[in-house]
Amino acid sequence: MINHAAARGRTCIHILTFVISIRISVVIASRCAR
């Protein structure tokens, strides 16, 4: 169970960082477009 929970936490962190990086890239793109 501990290993499963750790894997779950890692996947959640990876998804969060992926979404945050996409949002940052979109904000930068919108600023550069202007």
Protein backbone atom coordinates (compact mmCIF):
# COMPACT_ATOMS: atom_id res chain seq x y z
CA MET A 1 0.00 0.00 0.00
CA ILE A 2 2.84 2.38 0.81
CA ASN A 3 4.45 1.86 -2.61
CA HIS A 4 1.07 2.29 -4.31
CA ALA A 5 0.41 5.54 -2.42
CA ALA A 6 3.89 6.83 -3.31
CA ALA A 7 3.31 6.02 -7.00
CA ARG A 8 -0.05 7.78 -6.83
CA GLY A 9 1.55 10.88 -5.27
CA ARG A 10 4.25 10.93 -7.94
CA THR A 11 1.71 10.72 -10.77
CA CYS A 12 -0.32 13.54 -9.18
CA ILE A 13 2.81 15.70 -8.91
CA HIS A 14 3.75 14.95 -12.54
CA ILE A 15 0.24 15.90 -13.71
CA LEU A 16 0.27 19.11 -11.64
CA THR A 17 3.68 20.17 -12.98
CA PHE A 18 2.57 19.32 -16.54
CA VAL A 19 -0.61 21.44 -16.24
CA ILE A 20 1.28 24.32 -14.60
CA SER A 21 3.95 24.29 -17.34
CA ILE A 22 1.22 24.37 -20.01
CA ARG A 23 -0.51 27.32 -18.32
CA ILE A 24 2.78 29.22 -18.02
CA SER A 25 3.60 28.58 -21.69
CA VAL A 26 0.11 29.78 -22.69
CA VAL A 27 0.49 32.96 -20.62
CA ILE A 28 3.92 33.65 -22.13
CA ALA A 29 2.58 33.00 -25.64
CA SER A 30 -0.36 35.36 -25.08
CA ARG A 31 1.99 38.08 -23.76
CA CYS A 32 4.38 37.64 -26.69
CA ALA A 33 1.45 37.74 -29.14
CA ARG A 34 0.53 41.18 -27.85
